[in-house]
Amino acid sequence: MDGWIYLQVLTPYPISSFPPEPEEQQQGTIVPFRKKHPNDCFFRNEAEFDWLYPEHLQLISLKQWTPIAIARKAAEYLAVKGAKILDVGSGIGKFCLTAAHFYPDSFYFGVEQRHELVHYAKTAKRYLGMDNVDFLHANITQINFKEFDHFYFYNSFFENIDQVNAIDDSIETSYSLYTYYSMYLKGVLSEKPEGTRVVTYQSLGEVIPSGYRMTGQSYDSMLQFWIKE
């Protein structure tokens, strides 16, 4: 069959203990033969992306990090050419790395208060050789939001009231903290200029101030797209 090769789909999930082979070296599934980016193999599914991280972070991947399909859809809306996009509560950096891979003409920044997660996000960035991504170890109250154009928010403040699905025990569970961070983000977003875009995932819109219009929804309304008018 001209122009096609046979490839085998890897299924090492939930623990990926070895690097996924380049698609051209696998056998089994029929896919068009075409030149691809060397990093493509890491963004085909969650398991292959998870190989970039140690086992204890792979085990909580499905529950804690943005799915690749969601990240691609969000980035499609946010990735205005040359824009600086901030992921509020970036965890291991999955949104930023995925967005940077598929939309390389924008710049992506993640802010995360857990030093360990920032360390592994930066390690993955170096391994992938990406120069349009960076990660900041900080609380969001230490960030100058004026330096960024558009924003992604995967309800990262919910961990302050979720006592069951915590990443670890380093974050205080407190409804007052949840309220404080939500109101803080809402305040800084209200000061952004017209044209500012925000994507929220699994959020009730509590961080979206008046003046923003929802331009669309996806994935059973869990993914919402906003713009400042």
N, C-alpha and C. Protein backbone atom coordinates (compact mmCIF):
# COMPACT_ATOMS: atom_id res chain seq x y z
N MET A 1 0.86 -1.19 0.00
CA MET A 1 0.00 0.00 0.00
C MET A 1 0.89 1.23 0.00
N ASP A 2 0.98 1.95 -1.13
CA ASP A 2 1.91 3.05 -1.27
C ASP A 2 1.56 4.17 -0.31
N GLY A 3 2.60 4.75 0.33
CA GLY A 3 2.40 5.91 1.20
C GLY A 3 1.94 5.57 2.60
N TRP A 4 1.84 4.28 2.95
CA TRP A 4 1.38 3.89 4.29
C TRP A 4 2.39 2.93 4.90
N ILE A 5 2.48 2.94 6.21
CA ILE A 5 3.31 1.97 6.91
C ILE A 5 2.51 1.41 8.06
N TYR A 6 2.94 0.28 8.61
CA TYR A 6 2.27 -0.35 9.73
C TYR A 6 2.97 0.01 11.02
N LEU A 7 2.18 0.49 12.01
CA LEU A 7 2.73 0.88 13.29
C LEU A 7 1.97 0.19 14.42
N GLN A 8 2.62 0.01 15.53
CA GLN A 8 2.00 -0.61 16.70
C GLN A 8 1.73 0.44 17.76
N VAL A 9 0.50 0.49 18.27
CA VAL A 9 0.14 1.46 19.30
C VAL A 9 0.60 0.95 20.65
N LEU A 10 1.35 1.77 21.39
CA LEU A 10 1.81 1.39 22.72
C LEU A 10 0.71 1.61 23.74
N THR A 11 0.60 0.72 24.72
CA THR A 11 -0.38 0.90 25.78
C THR A 11 0.26 0.65 27.14
N PRO A 12 1.27 1.46 27.52
CA PRO A 12 1.96 1.23 28.78
C PRO A 12 1.33 1.98 29.95
N TYR A 13 0.05 2.34 29.86
CA TYR A 13 -0.58 3.15 30.89
C TYR A 13 -1.07 2.27 32.02
N PRO A 14 -1.08 2.67 33.30
CA PRO A 14 -0.78 4.03 33.77
C PRO A 14 0.69 4.32 34.02
N ILE A 15 1.55 3.31 34.01
CA ILE A 15 2.97 3.56 34.26
C ILE A 15 3.75 3.35 32.97
N SER A 16 4.43 4.39 32.50
CA SER A 16 5.24 4.28 31.29
C SER A 16 6.71 4.24 31.72
N SER A 17 7.29 3.05 31.75
CA SER A 17 8.63 2.88 32.31
C SER A 17 9.72 2.97 31.27
N PHE A 18 9.37 3.33 30.05
CA PHE A 18 10.38 3.45 29.02
C PHE A 18 9.92 4.51 28.03
N PRO A 19 10.85 5.15 27.28
CA PRO A 19 10.42 6.18 26.34
C PRO A 19 9.67 5.59 25.17
N PRO A 20 8.55 6.21 24.77
CA PRO A 20 7.84 5.69 23.60
C PRO A 20 8.70 5.78 22.35
N GLU A 21 8.67 4.72 21.54
CA GLU A 21 9.46 4.71 20.32
C GLU A 21 8.87 5.68 19.31
N PRO A 22 9.72 6.25 18.46
CA PRO A 22 9.18 7.04 17.35
C PRO A 22 8.21 6.21 16.53
N GLU A 23 7.16 6.84 16.02
CA GLU A 23 6.14 6.10 15.30
C GLU A 23 6.71 5.31 14.13
N GLU A 24 7.75 5.86 13.48
CA GLU A 24 8.31 5.20 12.31
C GLU A 24 8.96 3.86 12.64
N GLN A 25 9.25 3.63 13.94
CA GLN A 25 9.92 2.39 14.34
C GLN A 25 8.94 1.35 14.88
N GLN A 26 7.65 1.71 14.99
CA GLN A 26 6.68 0.77 15.51
C GLN A 26 5.96 0.08 14.38
N GLN A 27 5.23 -0.99 14.70
CA GLN A 27 4.55 -1.78 13.68
C GLN A 27 3.17 -2.17 14.16
N GLY A 28 2.20 -2.22 13.25
CA GLY A 28 0.89 -2.74 13.61
C GLY A 28 -0.26 -1.91 13.12
N THR A 29 -0.36 -0.64 13.51
CA THR A 29 -1.48 0.19 13.14
C THR A 29 -1.18 0.94 11.84
N ILE A 30 -2.16 1.08 10.97
CA ILE A 30 -1.95 1.76 9.70
C ILE A 30 -2.11 3.26 9.89
N VAL A 31 -1.08 4.02 9.58
CA VAL A 31 -1.14 5.48 9.62
C VAL A 31 -0.40 6.02 8.41
N PRO A 32 -0.77 7.20 7.93
CA PRO A 32 -0.05 7.76 6.78
C PRO A 32 1.41 8.01 7.12
N PHE A 33 2.29 7.70 6.19
CA PHE A 33 3.71 7.97 6.39
C PHE A 33 3.99 9.42 6.05
N ARG A 34 4.49 10.16 7.01
CA ARG A 34 4.81 11.56 6.78
C ARG A 34 5.87 11.99 7.79
N LYS A 35 6.58 13.03 7.45
CA LYS A 35 7.61 13.55 8.33
C LYS A 35 6.96 14.18 9.54
N LYS A 36 7.45 13.87 10.74
CA LYS A 36 6.86 14.38 11.96
C LYS A 36 7.92 14.99 12.86
N HIS A 37 7.46 15.75 13.83
CA HIS A 37 8.37 16.34 14.80
C HIS A 37 8.84 15.25 15.76
N PRO A 38 10.12 15.29 16.17
CA PRO A 38 10.63 14.26 17.08
C PRO A 38 9.84 14.13 18.38
N ASN A 39 9.20 15.21 18.83
CA ASN A 39 8.45 15.15 20.09
C ASN A 39 7.01 14.67 19.93
N ASP A 40 6.57 14.39 18.70
CA ASP A 40 5.17 14.00 18.49
C ASP A 40 4.76 12.80 19.34
N CYS A 41 5.69 11.88 19.55
CA CYS A 41 5.35 10.65 20.26
C CYS A 41 4.91 10.91 21.69
N PHE A 42 5.32 12.04 22.27
CA PHE A 42 4.95 12.33 23.66
C PHE A 42 3.57 12.95 23.78
N PHE A 43 2.98 13.36 22.67
CA PHE A 43 1.70 14.05 22.72
C PHE A 43 0.58 13.30 22.01
N ARG A 44 0.77 11.99 21.83
CA ARG A 44 -0.27 11.18 21.20
C ARG A 44 -1.33 10.75 22.21
N ASN A 45 -0.94 10.52 23.45
CA ASN A 45 -1.90 10.12 24.48
C ASN A 45 -1.29 10.39 25.85
N GLU A 46 -2.10 10.22 26.87
CA GLU A 46 -1.69 10.55 28.23
C GLU A 46 -0.52 9.68 28.70
N ALA A 47 -0.56 8.40 28.37
CA ALA A 47 0.47 7.47 28.85
C ALA A 47 1.85 7.85 28.33
N GLU A 48 1.91 8.21 27.08
CA GLU A 48 3.21 8.51 26.50
C GLU A 48 3.74 9.85 27.00
N PHE A 49 2.85 10.79 27.25
CA PHE A 49 3.28 12.04 27.88
C PHE A 49 3.79 11.77 29.29
N ASP A 50 3.11 10.90 30.02
CA ASP A 50 3.46 10.64 31.41
C ASP A 50 4.85 10.05 31.57
N TRP A 51 5.40 9.46 30.51
CA TRP A 51 6.75 8.90 30.62
C TRP A 51 7.76 9.95 31.05
N LEU A 52 7.49 11.21 30.78
CA LEU A 52 8.42 12.29 31.12
C LEU A 52 8.57 12.49 32.62
N TYR A 53 7.72 11.85 33.43
CA TYR A 53 7.67 12.12 34.86
C TYR A 53 7.88 10.84 35.67
N PRO A 54 8.24 10.99 36.95
CA PRO A 54 8.43 9.82 37.80
C PRO A 54 7.10 9.13 38.10
N GLU A 55 7.20 7.90 38.58
CA GLU A 55 6.02 7.05 38.77
C GLU A 55 4.96 7.68 39.67
N HIS A 56 5.36 8.32 40.77
CA HIS A 56 4.36 8.82 41.70
C HIS A 56 3.52 9.95 41.09
N LEU A 57 4.05 10.64 40.07
CA LEU A 57 3.27 11.66 39.38
C LEU A 57 2.46 11.04 38.24
N GLN A 58 2.96 9.97 37.65
CA GLN A 58 2.18 9.26 36.64
C GLN A 58 0.88 8.70 37.24
N LEU A 59 0.96 8.22 38.46
CA LEU A 59 -0.19 7.57 39.09
C LEU A 59 -1.35 8.51 39.34
N ILE A 60 -1.11 9.80 39.44
CA ILE A 60 -2.19 10.76 39.68
C ILE A 60 -2.50 11.57 38.43
N SER A 61 -1.97 11.16 37.30
CA SER A 61 -2.09 11.93 36.07
C SER A 61 -3.53 12.15 35.65
N LEU A 62 -4.32 11.08 35.56
CA LEU A 62 -5.68 11.20 35.05
C LEU A 62 -6.54 12.11 35.91
N LYS A 63 -6.25 12.17 37.18
CA LYS A 63 -7.06 12.95 38.10
C LYS A 63 -6.61 14.40 38.20
N GLN A 64 -5.33 14.66 38.05
CA GLN A 64 -4.79 15.98 38.40
C GLN A 64 -4.42 16.87 37.21
N TRP A 65 -4.03 16.31 36.07
CA TRP A 65 -3.48 17.15 35.01
C TRP A 65 -4.44 17.28 33.84
N THR A 66 -4.31 18.35 33.10
CA THR A 66 -5.15 18.61 31.94
C THR A 66 -4.96 17.53 30.87
N PRO A 67 -6.04 16.90 30.39
CA PRO A 67 -5.90 15.95 29.29
C PRO A 67 -5.36 16.64 28.04
N ILE A 68 -4.64 15.90 27.22
CA ILE A 68 -4.03 16.47 26.03
C ILE A 68 -5.06 17.09 25.10
N ALA A 69 -6.18 16.42 24.91
CA ALA A 69 -7.22 16.95 24.01
C ALA A 69 -7.76 18.28 24.52
N ILE A 70 -7.92 18.40 25.83
CA ILE A 70 -8.40 19.65 26.42
C ILE A 70 -7.35 20.74 26.23
N ALA A 71 -6.11 20.40 26.49
CA ALA A 71 -5.02 21.38 26.34
C ALA A 71 -4.94 21.90 24.91
N ARG A 72 -5.07 21.01 23.94
CA ARG A 72 -5.02 21.43 22.53
C ARG A 72 -6.17 22.35 22.20
N LYS A 73 -7.37 22.02 22.66
CA LYS A 73 -8.54 22.84 22.38
C LYS A 73 -8.41 24.21 23.03
N ALA A 74 -7.95 24.25 24.27
CA ALA A 74 -7.77 25.52 24.96
C ALA A 74 -6.71 26.36 24.27
N ALA A 75 -5.61 25.73 23.89
CA ALA A 75 -4.51 26.46 23.25
C ALA A 75 -4.93 27.01 21.89
N GLU A 76 -5.78 26.30 21.20
CA GLU A 76 -6.26 26.77 19.90
C GLU A 76 -6.91 28.15 20.03
N TYR A 77 -7.61 28.37 21.14
CA TYR A 77 -8.28 29.65 21.38
C TYR A 77 -7.32 30.71 21.91
N LEU A 78 -6.39 30.31 22.75
CA LEU A 78 -5.50 31.26 23.42
C LEU A 78 -4.28 31.65 22.60
N ALA A 79 -3.88 30.81 21.66
CA ALA A 79 -2.59 30.96 21.00
C ALA A 79 -2.60 32.02 19.90
N VAL A 80 -2.83 33.27 20.30
CA VAL A 80 -2.64 34.38 19.39
C VAL A 80 -1.13 34.52 19.14
N LYS A 81 -0.74 34.69 17.89
CA LYS A 81 0.67 34.71 17.55
C LYS A 81 1.43 35.75 18.36
N GLY A 82 2.51 35.32 19.03
CA GLY A 82 3.34 36.21 19.81
C GLY A 82 2.83 36.50 21.21
N ALA A 83 1.66 35.97 21.57
CA ALA A 83 1.06 36.26 22.87
C ALA A 83 1.77 35.50 23.99
N LYS A 84 1.72 36.07 25.19
CA LYS A 84 2.22 35.42 26.39
C LYS A 84 1.02 34.88 27.17
N ILE A 85 1.00 33.58 27.37
CA ILE A 85 -0.14 32.90 27.98
C ILE A 85 0.28 32.31 29.31
N LEU A 86 -0.50 32.57 30.35
CA LEU A 86 -0.19 32.10 31.70
C LEU A 86 -1.16 31.02 32.13
N ASP A 87 -0.62 29.89 32.58
CA ASP A 87 -1.41 28.82 33.20
C ASP A 87 -1.37 29.03 34.71
N VAL A 88 -2.52 29.31 35.29
CA VAL A 88 -2.61 29.60 36.73
C VAL A 88 -2.74 28.29 37.49
N GLY A 89 -1.66 27.87 38.14
CA GLY A 89 -1.63 26.59 38.82
C GLY A 89 -1.24 25.51 37.84
N SER A 90 -0.01 25.55 37.36
CA SER A 90 0.40 24.75 36.20
C SER A 90 0.80 23.32 36.50
N GLY A 91 0.91 22.94 37.78
CA GLY A 91 1.24 21.56 38.11
C GLY A 91 2.55 21.12 37.48
N ILE A 92 2.52 19.99 36.78
CA ILE A 92 3.71 19.46 36.12
C ILE A 92 3.96 20.10 34.75
N GLY A 93 3.12 21.08 34.38
CA GLY A 93 3.35 21.81 33.14
C GLY A 93 2.71 21.22 31.91
N LYS A 94 1.73 20.34 32.08
CA LYS A 94 1.18 19.61 30.94
C LYS A 94 0.49 20.53 29.93
N PHE A 95 -0.31 21.48 30.42
CA PHE A 95 -0.96 22.39 29.48
C PHE A 95 0.07 23.18 28.68
N CYS A 96 1.02 23.78 29.38
CA CYS A 96 2.01 24.63 28.71
C CYS A 96 2.83 23.85 27.69
N LEU A 97 3.27 22.67 28.05
CA LEU A 97 4.09 21.87 27.14
C LEU A 97 3.29 21.42 25.93
N THR A 98 2.05 21.01 26.15
CA THR A 98 1.20 20.58 25.04
C THR A 98 0.90 21.74 24.11
N ALA A 99 0.52 22.88 24.70
CA ALA A 99 0.22 24.06 23.90
C ALA A 99 1.44 24.51 23.11
N ALA A 100 2.60 24.51 23.75
CA ALA A 100 3.83 24.95 23.09
C ALA A 100 4.20 24.03 21.93
N HIS A 101 3.90 22.75 22.07
CA HIS A 101 4.20 21.80 21.00
C HIS A 101 3.32 22.03 19.78
N PHE A 102 2.03 22.21 20.00
CA PHE A 102 1.09 22.31 18.89
C PHE A 102 0.94 23.74 18.35
N TYR A 103 1.24 24.73 19.19
CA TYR A 103 1.12 26.14 18.79
C TYR A 103 2.40 26.89 19.16
N PRO A 104 3.46 26.66 18.43
CA PRO A 104 4.79 27.17 18.81
C PRO A 104 5.00 28.66 18.57
N ASP A 105 4.04 29.36 17.99
CA ASP A 105 4.22 30.78 17.72
C ASP A 105 3.80 31.67 18.90
N SER A 106 3.41 31.06 20.01
CA SER A 106 3.09 31.81 21.23
C SER A 106 4.03 31.38 22.33
N PHE A 107 3.98 32.09 23.46
CA PHE A 107 4.86 31.82 24.60
C PHE A 107 4.00 31.43 25.80
N TYR A 108 4.42 30.40 26.51
CA TYR A 108 3.60 29.83 27.58
C TYR A 108 4.37 29.84 28.90
N PHE A 109 3.67 30.25 29.94
CA PHE A 109 4.25 30.34 31.27
C PHE A 109 3.31 29.66 32.26
N GLY A 110 3.88 28.92 33.18
CA GLY A 110 3.07 28.30 34.22
C GLY A 110 3.54 28.78 35.58
N VAL A 111 2.60 29.11 36.45
CA VAL A 111 2.93 29.47 37.82
C VAL A 111 2.41 28.37 38.74
N GLU A 112 3.27 27.89 39.62
CA GLU A 112 2.94 26.76 40.50
C GLU A 112 3.65 26.95 41.82
N GLN A 113 2.93 26.70 42.95
CA GLN A 113 3.52 26.93 44.26
C GLN A 113 4.25 25.72 44.84
N ARG A 114 4.12 24.56 44.20
CA ARG A 114 4.87 23.39 44.65
C ARG A 114 6.21 23.32 43.93
N HIS A 115 7.28 23.41 44.69
CA HIS A 115 8.62 23.41 44.09
C HIS A 115 8.89 22.12 43.33
N GLU A 116 8.46 20.98 43.86
CA GLU A 116 8.71 19.70 43.19
C GLU A 116 8.09 19.68 41.80
N LEU A 117 6.86 20.16 41.67
CA LEU A 117 6.18 20.13 40.38
C LEU A 117 6.85 21.06 39.37
N VAL A 118 7.30 22.22 39.85
CA VAL A 118 8.02 23.14 38.98
C VAL A 118 9.32 22.49 38.50
N HIS A 119 10.00 21.79 39.40
CA HIS A 119 11.25 21.11 39.04
C HIS A 119 11.01 20.12 37.90
N TYR A 120 9.97 19.28 38.01
CA TYR A 120 9.73 18.28 36.99
C TYR A 120 9.19 18.91 35.70
N ALA A 121 8.46 20.01 35.82
CA ALA A 121 8.01 20.72 34.61
C ALA A 121 9.20 21.25 33.83
N LYS A 122 10.16 21.84 34.55
CA LYS A 122 11.36 22.37 33.89
C LYS A 122 12.22 21.25 33.32
N THR A 123 12.26 20.12 34.02
CA THR A 123 13.02 18.97 33.51
C THR A 123 12.43 18.47 32.20
N ALA A 124 11.10 18.38 32.15
CA ALA A 124 10.42 17.95 30.92
C ALA A 124 10.66 18.95 29.80
N LYS A 125 10.61 20.22 30.12
CA LYS A 125 10.87 21.26 29.12
C LYS A 125 12.26 21.09 28.51
N ARG A 126 13.25 20.87 29.36
CA ARG A 126 14.61 20.70 28.85
C ARG A 126 14.73 19.44 28.00
N TYR A 127 14.10 18.36 28.44
CA TYR A 127 14.16 17.11 27.69
C TYR A 127 13.55 17.28 26.30
N LEU A 128 12.46 18.03 26.21
CA LEU A 128 11.78 18.24 24.94
C LEU A 128 12.44 19.33 24.10
N GLY A 129 13.35 20.09 24.70
CA GLY A 129 14.06 21.11 23.97
C GLY A 129 13.21 22.29 23.56
N MET A 130 12.27 22.68 24.39
CA MET A 130 11.36 23.77 24.06
C MET A 130 11.90 25.10 24.58
N ASP A 131 11.82 26.13 23.74
CA ASP A 131 12.30 27.44 24.16
C ASP A 131 11.19 28.48 24.25
N ASN A 132 9.93 28.06 24.07
CA ASN A 132 8.80 28.98 24.19
C ASN A 132 7.93 28.66 25.40
N VAL A 133 8.58 28.07 26.43
CA VAL A 133 7.90 27.69 27.67
C VAL A 133 8.78 28.05 28.85
N ASP A 134 8.15 28.46 29.95
CA ASP A 134 8.89 28.65 31.20
C ASP A 134 7.94 28.43 32.37
N PHE A 135 8.51 28.08 33.52
CA PHE A 135 7.71 27.79 34.71
C PHE A 135 8.24 28.58 35.89
N LEU A 136 7.31 29.13 36.66
CA LEU A 136 7.65 30.01 37.77
C LEU A 136 7.21 29.36 39.08
N HIS A 137 8.13 29.29 40.02
CA HIS A 137 7.79 28.78 41.36
C HIS A 137 7.34 29.96 42.20
N ALA A 138 6.03 30.12 42.34
CA ALA A 138 5.50 31.28 43.05
C ALA A 138 4.03 31.06 43.37
N ASN A 139 3.54 31.85 44.31
CA ASN A 139 2.11 31.97 44.57
C ASN A 139 1.56 32.98 43.57
N ILE A 140 0.30 32.84 43.18
CA ILE A 140 -0.24 33.75 42.16
C ILE A 140 -0.24 35.20 42.64
N THR A 141 -0.25 35.43 43.94
CA THR A 141 -0.23 36.80 44.45
C THR A 141 1.12 37.47 44.24
N GLN A 142 2.12 36.67 43.85
CA GLN A 142 3.46 37.20 43.58
C GLN A 142 3.70 37.46 42.09
N ILE A 143 2.69 37.21 41.27
CA ILE A 143 2.83 37.33 39.82
C ILE A 143 2.28 38.67 39.34
N ASN A 144 3.01 39.28 38.42
CA ASN A 144 2.54 40.51 37.77
C ASN A 144 1.71 40.12 36.55
N PHE A 145 0.41 40.15 36.69
CA PHE A 145 -0.47 39.71 35.61
C PHE A 145 -0.42 40.64 34.40
N LYS A 146 0.13 41.83 34.57
CA LYS A 146 0.25 42.75 33.45
C LYS A 146 1.24 42.26 32.40
N GLU A 147 2.09 41.32 32.78
CA GLU A 147 3.10 40.80 31.86
C GLU A 147 2.54 39.75 30.91
N PHE A 148 1.29 39.34 31.11
CA PHE A 148 0.72 38.25 30.31
C PHE A 148 -0.53 38.73 29.57
N ASP A 149 -0.79 38.08 28.43
CA ASP A 149 -1.89 38.50 27.57
C ASP A 149 -3.16 37.69 27.77
N HIS A 150 -3.02 36.36 27.88
CA HIS A 150 -4.18 35.48 27.97
C HIS A 150 -3.91 34.42 29.04
N PHE A 151 -4.99 33.72 29.47
CA PHE A 151 -4.87 32.90 30.67
C PHE A 151 -5.64 31.58 30.54
N TYR A 152 -5.05 30.53 31.15
CA TYR A 152 -5.70 29.23 31.25
C TYR A 152 -5.85 28.89 32.74
N PHE A 153 -7.03 28.37 33.11
CA PHE A 153 -7.31 28.10 34.53
C PHE A 153 -8.06 26.78 34.66
N TYR A 154 -7.37 25.78 35.22
CA TYR A 154 -7.98 24.47 35.47
C TYR A 154 -8.34 24.38 36.96
N ASN A 155 -9.17 25.27 37.42
CA ASN A 155 -9.73 25.27 38.78
C ASN A 155 -8.72 24.82 39.83
N SER A 156 -7.53 25.41 39.76
CA SER A 156 -6.45 24.98 40.65
C SER A 156 -6.69 25.33 42.11
N PHE A 157 -7.62 26.24 42.39
CA PHE A 157 -7.88 26.61 43.79
C PHE A 157 -8.75 25.58 44.50
N PHE A 158 -9.36 24.67 43.75
CA PHE A 158 -10.25 23.69 44.37
C PHE A 158 -9.51 22.81 45.36
N GLU A 159 -8.20 22.66 45.18
CA GLU A 159 -7.44 21.82 46.10
C GLU A 159 -7.48 22.37 47.52
N ASN A 160 -7.80 23.66 47.68
CA ASN A 160 -7.87 24.24 49.01
C ASN A 160 -9.11 23.78 49.79
N ILE A 161 -10.08 23.17 49.10
CA ILE A 161 -11.27 22.67 49.79
C ILE A 161 -11.50 21.18 49.54
N ASP A 162 -10.62 20.55 48.79
CA ASP A 162 -10.75 19.13 48.48
C ASP A 162 -9.83 18.33 49.39
N GLN A 163 -10.41 17.62 50.33
CA GLN A 163 -9.63 16.85 51.29
C GLN A 163 -9.42 15.41 50.85
N VAL A 164 -9.99 15.03 49.71
CA VAL A 164 -9.95 13.64 49.27
C VAL A 164 -8.90 13.43 48.17
N ASN A 165 -8.80 14.36 47.25
CA ASN A 165 -7.96 14.15 46.06
C ASN A 165 -6.74 15.05 46.04
N ALA A 166 -6.14 15.26 47.17
CA ALA A 166 -4.98 16.15 47.24
C ALA A 166 -3.76 15.53 46.55
N ILE A 167 -2.96 16.38 45.92
CA ILE A 167 -1.70 15.92 45.32
C ILE A 167 -0.75 15.45 46.41
N ASP A 168 -0.68 16.22 47.48
CA ASP A 168 0.12 15.87 48.65
C ASP A 168 -0.47 16.62 49.84
N ASP A 169 0.23 16.61 50.96
CA ASP A 169 -0.30 17.26 52.16
C ASP A 169 0.37 18.62 52.42
N SER A 170 0.94 19.22 51.39
CA SER A 170 1.67 20.47 51.58
C SER A 170 0.78 21.71 51.49
N ILE A 171 -0.47 21.55 51.03
CA ILE A 171 -1.37 22.67 50.85
C ILE A 171 -2.47 22.63 51.89
N GLU A 172 -2.67 23.74 52.56
CA GLU A 172 -3.70 23.84 53.59
C GLU A 172 -5.09 23.78 52.95
N THR A 173 -5.98 22.97 53.53
CA THR A 173 -7.36 22.95 53.07
C THR A 173 -8.15 23.98 53.87
N SER A 174 -8.69 24.94 53.15
CA SER A 174 -9.36 26.06 53.80
C SER A 174 -10.30 26.72 52.81
N TYR A 175 -11.57 26.80 53.17
CA TYR A 175 -12.52 27.46 52.28
C TYR A 175 -12.20 28.94 52.15
N SER A 176 -11.66 29.53 53.21
CA SER A 176 -11.32 30.95 53.14
C SER A 176 -10.21 31.20 52.13
N LEU A 177 -9.23 30.25 52.04
CA LEU A 177 -8.17 30.37 51.03
C LEU A 177 -8.75 30.23 49.62
N TYR A 178 -9.65 29.27 49.46
CA TYR A 178 -10.30 29.09 48.16
C TYR A 178 -11.00 30.37 47.73
N THR A 179 -11.73 30.98 48.64
CA THR A 179 -12.44 32.22 48.34
C THR A 179 -11.47 33.35 48.06
N TYR A 180 -10.41 33.43 48.86
CA TYR A 180 -9.43 34.51 48.70
C TYR A 180 -8.76 34.44 47.33
N TYR A 181 -8.26 33.25 46.94
CA TYR A 181 -7.58 33.12 45.66
C TYR A 181 -8.54 33.37 44.50
N SER A 182 -9.77 32.88 44.63
CA SER A 182 -10.76 33.09 43.56
C SER A 182 -11.04 34.57 43.37
N MET A 183 -11.22 35.29 44.46
CA MET A 183 -11.48 36.72 44.37
C MET A 183 -10.26 37.48 43.88
N TYR A 184 -9.07 37.01 44.26
CA TYR A 184 -7.84 37.67 43.81
C TYR A 184 -7.71 37.56 42.29
N LEU A 185 -7.89 36.34 41.76
CA LEU A 185 -7.78 36.15 40.32
C LEU A 185 -8.86 36.94 39.59
N LYS A 186 -10.06 36.93 40.13
CA LYS A 186 -11.15 37.69 39.53
C LYS A 186 -10.79 39.18 39.47
N GLY A 187 -10.14 39.67 40.51
CA GLY A 187 -9.76 41.08 40.55
C GLY A 187 -8.72 41.44 39.51
N VAL A 188 -7.68 40.61 39.38
CA VAL A 188 -6.63 40.94 38.42
C VAL A 188 -7.12 40.77 36.98
N LEU A 189 -8.02 39.82 36.75
CA LEU A 189 -8.57 39.66 35.41
C LEU A 189 -9.46 40.85 35.03
N SER A 190 -10.12 41.43 36.03
CA SER A 190 -10.98 42.58 35.75
C SER A 190 -10.18 43.78 35.28
N GLU A 191 -8.89 43.82 35.62
CA GLU A 191 -8.04 44.95 35.24
C GLU A 191 -7.38 44.76 33.88
N LYS A 192 -7.56 43.61 33.27
CA LYS A 192 -6.94 43.34 31.97
C LYS A 192 -7.68 44.10 30.86
N PRO A 193 -6.99 44.42 29.77
CA PRO A 193 -7.62 45.21 28.70
C PRO A 193 -8.59 44.39 27.85
N GLU A 194 -9.34 45.11 27.03
CA GLU A 194 -10.23 44.45 26.08
C GLU A 194 -9.44 43.51 25.18
N GLY A 195 -10.05 42.40 24.84
CA GLY A 195 -9.39 41.42 23.99
C GLY A 195 -8.69 40.32 24.75
N THR A 196 -8.57 40.46 26.08
CA THR A 196 -7.96 39.42 26.91
C THR A 196 -8.80 38.15 26.83
N ARG A 197 -8.14 37.05 26.59
CA ARG A 197 -8.84 35.76 26.50
C ARG A 197 -8.54 34.90 27.72
N VAL A 198 -9.55 34.17 28.16
CA VAL A 198 -9.41 33.25 29.29
C VAL A 198 -10.11 31.95 28.92
N VAL A 199 -9.47 30.83 29.24
CA VAL A 199 -10.12 29.52 29.12
C VAL A 199 -10.17 28.90 30.51
N THR A 200 -11.35 28.46 30.92
CA THR A 200 -11.51 27.77 32.20
C THR A 200 -11.92 26.33 31.94
N TYR A 201 -11.41 25.43 32.77
CA TYR A 201 -11.74 24.01 32.66
C TYR A 201 -12.21 23.52 34.03
N GLN A 202 -13.38 22.88 34.05
CA GLN A 202 -13.99 22.38 35.28
C GLN A 202 -14.10 23.50 36.32
N SER A 203 -14.53 24.64 35.88
CA SER A 203 -14.74 25.78 36.76
C SER A 203 -16.16 26.29 36.55
N LEU A 204 -16.76 26.84 37.61
CA LEU A 204 -18.12 27.36 37.52
C LEU A 204 -18.15 28.82 37.09
N GLY A 205 -17.01 29.35 36.71
CA GLY A 205 -16.96 30.74 36.28
C GLY A 205 -16.81 31.72 37.42
N GLU A 206 -16.47 31.21 38.60
CA GLU A 206 -16.37 32.08 39.77
C GLU A 206 -15.20 33.06 39.70
N VAL A 207 -14.23 32.80 38.82
CA VAL A 207 -13.09 33.70 38.71
C VAL A 207 -13.25 34.68 37.55
N ILE A 208 -14.34 34.59 36.82
CA ILE A 208 -14.56 35.44 35.65
C ILE A 208 -15.33 36.69 36.06
N PRO A 209 -14.73 37.86 35.92
CA PRO A 209 -15.41 39.10 36.31
C PRO A 209 -16.40 39.56 35.25
N SER A 210 -17.23 40.51 35.62
CA SER A 210 -18.13 41.12 34.64
C SER A 210 -17.29 41.82 33.58
N GLY A 211 -17.82 41.90 32.39
CA GLY A 211 -17.07 42.47 31.28
C GLY A 211 -16.49 41.43 30.36
N TYR A 212 -16.50 40.16 30.80
CA TYR A 212 -16.06 39.06 29.95
C TYR A 212 -17.29 38.36 29.37
N ARG A 213 -17.19 38.02 28.11
CA ARG A 213 -18.28 37.30 27.44
C ARG A 213 -17.82 35.88 27.09
N MET A 214 -18.68 34.90 27.38
CA MET A 214 -18.38 33.54 26.99
C MET A 214 -18.60 33.40 25.49
N THR A 215 -17.56 32.98 24.79
CA THR A 215 -17.66 32.85 23.34
C THR A 215 -17.95 31.43 22.89
N GLY A 216 -17.86 30.48 23.81
CA GLY A 216 -18.13 29.11 23.44
C GLY A 216 -17.89 28.15 24.59
N GLN A 217 -18.37 26.93 24.42
CA GLN A 217 -18.18 25.86 25.40
C GLN A 217 -17.85 24.57 24.66
N SER A 218 -17.21 23.67 25.36
CA SER A 218 -16.88 22.38 24.77
C SER A 218 -16.78 21.33 25.87
N TYR A 219 -16.72 20.07 25.47
CA TYR A 219 -16.59 18.96 26.42
C TYR A 219 -17.65 19.05 27.52
N ASP A 220 -18.92 19.00 27.10
CA ASP A 220 -20.06 19.04 28.03
C ASP A 220 -20.02 20.26 28.93
N SER A 221 -19.63 21.38 28.35
CA SER A 221 -19.58 22.68 29.04
C SER A 221 -18.49 22.77 30.10
N MET A 222 -17.64 21.73 30.22
CA MET A 222 -16.56 21.80 31.21
C MET A 222 -15.46 22.75 30.77
N LEU A 223 -15.30 22.93 29.45
CA LEU A 223 -14.30 23.82 28.91
C LEU A 223 -15.00 25.06 28.36
N GLN A 224 -14.65 26.22 28.91
CA GLN A 224 -15.35 27.45 28.54
C GLN A 224 -14.35 28.51 28.06
N PHE A 225 -14.78 29.25 27.05
CA PHE A 225 -13.92 30.25 26.41
C PHE A 225 -14.48 31.65 26.64
N TRP A 226 -13.64 32.56 27.07
CA TRP A 226 -14.06 33.92 27.45
C TRP A 226 -13.19 34.98 26.78
N ILE A 227 -13.79 36.18 26.62
CA ILE A 227 -13.03 37.30 26.11
C ILE A 227 -13.51 38.60 26.78
N LYS A 228 -12.56 39.47 27.07
CA LYS A 228 -12.89 40.75 27.70
C LYS A 228 -13.37 41.72 26.62
N GLU A 229 -14.51 42.37 26.88
CA GLU A 229 -15.08 43.31 25.91
C GLU A 229 -15.18 44.70 26.50
